[in-house]
Amino acid sequence: MPIQSVQRALNILSFFSASRPQLGITEISKLMNLPKTTVHGLVQTLTQEGFLNQDIENKKYTLGLKIYELSTYLLSTLKINQVGMDSVQKLAQKTSLMARIGIWDKDSILVTANSFPDAENHQFNIIGPRVPGYCSALGKIFLATYNDSDIEEYLSKTPLTAYTEKTITDKSVLLEHIKEIRKTGYAREDEEYINNMSCISAPVYDNTGSTVASVSVSGLLGFLENDKIKELIIEVKKTGMDISQKMGYFPDPLKINPMQ
């Protein structure tokens, strides 16, 4: 049985996001439909423990450094990061593109690792840490592993919001993309989530053959149109398989594409 005060504190933390980095007592009170006095006590406790921080000037609150501290512990202890980071760093250096690892969480992709070939590419960090499943190459990899009924359930509760003019908002078009991913073993997206950005992604399997992560390279629009596109696809798929083997996966030699 949930403890009410703990549940409320966790709800407060979940209200913060990239689009809503600061919140005041009044805003939180409205979101929770609770009196300001109740919210104030919860916020004060979270602030004292370092989970929230109050801006001196506008008196609003942001996530505190304790959240960052715990997240670094989590990311450093995730098995997928421990076994896959070296491979992802090599992928970034070899392709001169940003390379990432993503895992499926709550119907979207949580980016757990970013690797950059050089300092100039650090502006791409704005893409993470969470991206939609249906309009990201990292997410489409997971959708391609779903059976048709699971995909229908996902689509029934996930609005296909348009982030750019190229975001796929037609379910039938998305389903065709998923069928193609199953055939080729990799996913691609062009400006579907962020303008001027393209991405190629491949799956990572565990010892049971289940998709546990996806790995990708991302860059400015156009890098997928050069004469090295086939080489990039090979490198991303190779990296995905390299990490998979480190996770204990050994493919059936008679089955070229585990997605099929």
Protein backbone atom coordinates (compact mmCIF):
# COMPACT_ATOMS: atom_id res chain seq x y z
CA MET A 1 0.00 0.00 0.00
CA PRO A 2 1.51 3.36 -1.07
CA ILE A 3 2.45 5.86 1.63
CA GLN A 4 0.63 9.05 0.73
CA SER A 5 3.35 11.54 1.66
CA VAL A 6 5.99 9.60 -0.26
CA GLN A 7 3.69 9.31 -3.29
CA ARG A 8 3.05 13.06 -3.23
CA ALA A 9 6.76 13.86 -2.97
CA LEU A 10 7.51 11.63 -5.94
CA ASN A 11 4.70 13.27 -7.91
CA ILE A 12 6.25 16.68 -7.29
CA LEU A 13 9.61 15.53 -8.66
CA SER A 14 7.93 14.05 -11.74
CA PHE A 15 6.36 17.41 -12.65
CA PHE A 16 9.75 18.85 -13.64
CA SER A 17 10.89 18.43 -17.24
CA ALA A 18 12.92 20.12 -19.97
CA SER A 19 9.86 22.16 -20.94
CA ARG A 20 9.01 22.88 -17.30
CA PRO A 21 12.33 23.31 -15.44
CA GLN A 22 10.96 25.67 -12.76
CA LEU A 23 7.80 25.50 -10.69
CA GLY A 24 6.37 27.63 -7.91
CA ILE A 25 4.26 26.56 -4.96
CA THR A 26 1.08 27.84 -6.64
CA GLU A 27 1.80 25.88 -9.84
CA ILE A 28 2.55 22.68 -7.96
CA SER A 29 -0.56 23.17 -5.83
CA LYS A 30 -2.73 23.38 -8.96
CA LEU A 31 -1.07 20.36 -10.54
CA MET A 32 -1.67 18.28 -7.42
CA ASN A 33 -5.01 19.80 -6.49
CA LEU A 34 -3.75 20.27 -2.96
CA PRO A 35 -3.66 23.27 -0.58
CA LYS A 36 -0.55 25.44 -0.78
CA THR A 37 0.25 24.75 2.87
CA THR A 38 0.42 21.00 2.21
CA VAL A 39 2.55 21.49 -0.90
CA HIS A 40 4.84 23.93 0.89
CA GLY A 41 5.65 21.36 3.59
CA LEU A 42 6.47 18.69 1.01
CA VAL A 43 8.60 21.08 -1.05
CA GLN A 44 10.49 22.28 2.00
CA THR A 45 11.38 18.70 2.94
CA LEU A 46 12.55 17.92 -0.60
CA THR A 47 14.62 21.10 -0.61
CA GLN A 48 16.25 20.34 2.73
CA GLU A 49 17.27 16.90 1.45
CA GLY A 50 18.72 18.33 -1.77
CA PHE A 51 16.11 16.95 -4.18
CA LEU A 52 14.87 20.46 -4.97
CA ASN A 53 16.59 23.82 -5.11
CA GLN A 54 14.96 27.24 -4.71
CA ASP A 55 15.92 30.16 -6.93
CA ILE A 56 16.79 33.12 -4.71
CA GLU A 57 15.36 35.70 -7.13
CA ASN A 58 12.02 34.32 -8.29
CA LYS A 59 11.50 31.88 -5.36
CA LYS A 60 10.61 29.07 -7.76
CA TYR A 61 12.02 25.57 -7.49
CA THR A 62 14.17 23.40 -9.75
CA LEU A 63 15.46 19.86 -9.38
CA GLY A 64 18.32 19.70 -6.90
CA LEU A 65 21.82 18.32 -7.19
CA LYS A 66 20.84 15.20 -5.24
CA ILE A 67 18.91 14.09 -8.32
CA TYR A 68 22.03 14.50 -10.46
CA GLU A 69 24.16 12.67 -7.90
CA LEU A 70 21.82 9.68 -7.85
CA SER A 71 21.52 9.65 -11.66
CA THR A 72 25.30 9.39 -12.04
CA TYR A 73 25.29 6.39 -9.73
CA LEU A 74 22.49 4.79 -11.73
CA LEU A 75 24.06 5.35 -15.14
CA SER A 76 27.45 4.10 -14.02
CA THR A 77 25.96 0.90 -12.59
CA LEU A 78 23.59 0.05 -15.48
CA LYS A 79 24.83 -3.18 -17.04
CA ILE A 80 24.14 -1.94 -20.58
CA ASN A 81 26.40 1.07 -19.96
CA GLN A 82 29.09 -0.97 -18.25
CA VAL A 83 29.40 -3.44 -21.12
CA GLY A 84 28.49 -1.12 -23.97
CA MET A 85 30.17 2.22 -23.39
CA ASP A 86 33.54 1.21 -24.83
CA SER A 87 31.87 -0.01 -28.03
CA VAL A 88 29.79 3.15 -28.33
CA GLN A 89 32.84 5.37 -27.86
CA LYS A 90 34.63 3.48 -30.63
CA LEU A 91 31.56 3.90 -32.87
CA ALA A 92 31.55 7.66 -32.30
CA GLN A 93 35.25 7.94 -33.07
CA LYS A 94 35.08 5.75 -36.15
CA THR A 95 32.05 7.50 -37.68
CA SER A 96 32.78 11.03 -36.38
CA LEU A 97 29.15 11.17 -35.23
CA MET A 98 27.40 11.24 -31.87
CA ALA A 99 26.71 7.69 -30.66
CA ARG A 100 24.10 6.76 -28.05
CA ILE A 101 22.61 3.91 -26.07
CA GLY A 102 18.89 3.93 -25.32
CA ILE A 103 16.56 1.69 -23.31
CA TRP A 104 12.78 1.37 -23.44
CA ASP A 105 11.07 2.89 -20.41
CA LYS A 106 7.42 3.87 -19.98
CA ASP A 107 6.64 3.78 -23.72
CA SER A 108 9.56 6.02 -24.65
CA ILE A 109 13.32 5.87 -24.96
CA LEU A 110 15.58 6.83 -22.08
CA VAL A 111 19.05 7.72 -23.36
CA THR A 112 21.53 6.25 -20.89
CA ALA A 113 24.79 7.15 -22.64
CA ASN A 114 26.06 9.72 -25.14
CA SER A 115 29.49 9.57 -26.75
CA PHE A 116 30.93 12.38 -28.84
CA PRO A 117 33.79 12.15 -31.35
CA ASP A 118 34.95 15.69 -30.50
CA ALA A 119 34.01 18.69 -28.38
CA GLU A 120 32.26 20.47 -31.25
CA ASN A 121 29.42 17.95 -31.22
CA HIS A 122 28.41 18.51 -27.61
CA GLN A 123 25.51 20.73 -28.65
CA PHE A 124 23.70 17.54 -29.70
CA ASN A 125 23.27 16.68 -26.02
CA ILE A 126 19.96 18.58 -26.18
CA ILE A 127 18.43 15.48 -27.79
CA GLY A 128 18.32 13.42 -24.60
CA PRO A 129 17.71 12.11 -22.09
CA ARG A 130 14.17 10.93 -23.05
CA VAL A 131 12.81 10.78 -26.58
CA PRO A 132 9.51 9.49 -28.01
CA GLY A 133 9.44 5.91 -29.21
CA TYR A 134 7.52 6.40 -32.46
CA CYS A 135 9.60 9.21 -33.96
CA SER A 136 13.12 8.19 -32.98
CA ALA A 137 15.32 5.53 -34.56
CA LEU A 138 16.23 4.30 -31.07
CA GLY A 139 12.55 3.79 -30.27
CA LYS A 140 11.48 2.28 -33.58
CA ILE A 141 13.94 -0.56 -33.00
CA PHE A 142 11.93 -1.59 -29.94
CA LEU A 143 8.58 -1.18 -31.68
CA ALA A 144 9.82 -3.51 -34.42
CA THR A 145 10.25 -6.26 -31.81
CA TYR A 146 6.64 -5.94 -30.66
CA ASN A 147 3.96 -8.23 -32.03
CA ASP A 148 1.02 -6.61 -33.78
CA SER A 149 -1.28 -6.63 -30.73
CA ASP A 150 1.38 -4.96 -28.55
CA ILE A 151 1.91 -2.28 -31.20
CA GLU A 152 -1.83 -1.64 -31.38
CA GLU A 153 -1.93 -1.28 -27.59
CA TYR A 154 1.01 1.14 -27.71
CA LEU A 155 -0.64 3.22 -30.44
CA SER A 156 -3.97 3.27 -28.62
CA LYS A 157 -2.45 5.08 -25.64
CA THR A 158 0.27 7.10 -27.40
CA PRO A 159 -0.75 10.23 -29.31
CA LEU A 160 1.44 10.66 -32.39
CA THR A 161 2.36 14.27 -31.70
CA ALA A 162 4.12 16.13 -34.51
CA TYR A 163 7.46 17.52 -33.32
CA THR A 164 8.50 18.57 -36.83
CA GLU A 165 6.91 18.66 -40.28
CA LYS A 166 8.39 15.21 -40.92
CA THR A 167 7.10 13.48 -37.81
CA ILE A 168 5.05 10.43 -38.77
CA THR A 169 1.56 10.94 -37.36
CA ASP A 170 -0.24 8.42 -39.58
CA LYS A 171 -0.45 5.02 -37.86
CA SER A 172 -0.52 3.10 -41.14
CA VAL A 173 2.67 4.83 -42.33
CA LEU A 174 4.39 4.07 -39.02
CA LEU A 175 3.38 0.42 -39.28
CA GLU A 176 4.95 0.23 -42.74
CA HIS A 177 8.18 1.67 -41.32
CA ILE A 178 8.15 -0.96 -38.59
CA LYS A 179 7.72 -3.75 -41.15
CA GLU A 180 10.74 -2.45 -43.06
CA ILE A 181 12.84 -2.33 -39.88
CA ARG A 182 12.02 -5.98 -39.21
CA LYS A 183 13.36 -6.87 -42.65
CA THR A 184 16.54 -4.79 -42.58
CA GLY A 185 17.48 -5.05 -38.89
CA TYR A 186 18.05 -1.32 -38.47
CA ALA A 187 15.98 1.86 -38.08
CA ARG A 188 16.38 5.28 -39.61
CA GLU A 189 14.76 8.64 -38.98
CA ASP A 190 15.23 12.00 -40.65
CA GLU A 191 14.08 15.17 -38.85
CA GLU A 192 11.16 13.34 -37.22
CA TYR A 193 11.99 14.55 -33.73
CA ILE A 194 14.42 17.46 -34.19
CA ASN A 195 14.87 19.58 -37.29
CA ASN A 196 18.12 19.08 -39.21
CA MET A 197 18.96 15.86 -37.34
CA SER A 198 19.16 12.31 -38.71
CA CYS A 199 19.78 8.99 -36.98
CA ILE A 200 20.51 5.31 -37.64
CA SER A 201 19.89 2.72 -34.93
CA ALA A 202 20.36 -1.02 -34.39
CA PRO A 203 19.20 -3.39 -31.63
CA VAL A 204 21.09 -4.81 -28.67
CA TYR A 205 20.05 -8.27 -27.40
CA ASP A 206 20.52 -10.03 -24.08
CA ASN A 207 21.34 -13.71 -23.53
CA THR A 208 17.70 -14.69 -24.21
CA GLY A 209 17.58 -12.88 -27.54
CA SER A 210 15.31 -10.12 -26.23
CA THR A 211 15.96 -6.53 -27.28
CA VAL A 212 17.22 -4.72 -24.17
CA ALA A 213 18.68 -1.58 -25.75
CA SER A 214 19.32 0.18 -29.01
CA VAL A 215 22.48 1.88 -30.22
CA SER A 216 22.64 4.74 -32.71
CA VAL A 217 24.64 7.39 -34.50
CA SER A 218 23.19 10.87 -35.01
CA GLY A 219 24.27 13.91 -36.96
CA LEU A 220 23.17 16.90 -38.96
CA LEU A 221 20.76 16.27 -41.81
CA GLY A 222 22.57 15.05 -44.89
CA PHE A 223 25.01 12.60 -43.36
CA LEU A 224 22.65 9.78 -44.34
CA GLU A 225 22.73 10.86 -47.97
CA ASN A 226 26.47 10.52 -48.55
CA ASP A 227 28.15 7.63 -50.31
CA LYS A 228 29.14 6.03 -46.99
CA ILE A 229 25.59 5.31 -45.82
CA LYS A 230 25.98 1.54 -46.29
CA GLU A 231 29.19 1.59 -44.27
CA LEU A 232 27.47 3.52 -41.46
CA ILE A 233 24.63 1.01 -41.30
CA ILE A 234 27.13 -1.84 -41.12
CA GLU A 235 29.08 -0.12 -38.33
CA VAL A 236 25.97 0.58 -36.23
CA LYS A 237 24.67 -2.98 -36.62
CA LYS A 238 28.14 -4.34 -35.88
CA THR A 239 28.30 -2.27 -32.68
CA GLY A 240 24.85 -3.48 -31.64
CA MET A 241 25.93 -7.08 -32.12
CA ASP A 242 29.23 -6.48 -30.32
CA ILE A 243 27.39 -5.17 -27.25
CA SER A 244 24.85 -8.01 -27.54
CA GLN A 245 27.59 -10.60 -27.33
CA LYS A 246 28.98 -8.85 -24.26
CA MET A 247 25.46 -9.17 -22.82
CA GLY A 248 25.64 -12.93 -23.43
CA TYR A 249 23.83 -13.15 -26.76
CA PHE A 250 25.02 -15.61 -29.38
CA PRO A 251 22.91 -15.57 -32.54
CA ASP A 252 21.54 -18.60 -34.31
CA PRO A 253 23.72 -18.96 -37.44
CA LEU A 254 20.62 -20.02 -39.38
CA LYS A 255 18.78 -16.82 -38.45
CA ILE A 256 20.48 -13.77 -39.93
CA ASN A 257 18.07 -11.19 -38.53
CA PRO A 258 16.83 -11.91 -34.94
CA MET A 259 13.94 -9.48 -35.50
CA GLN A 260 12.29 -11.77 -38.02
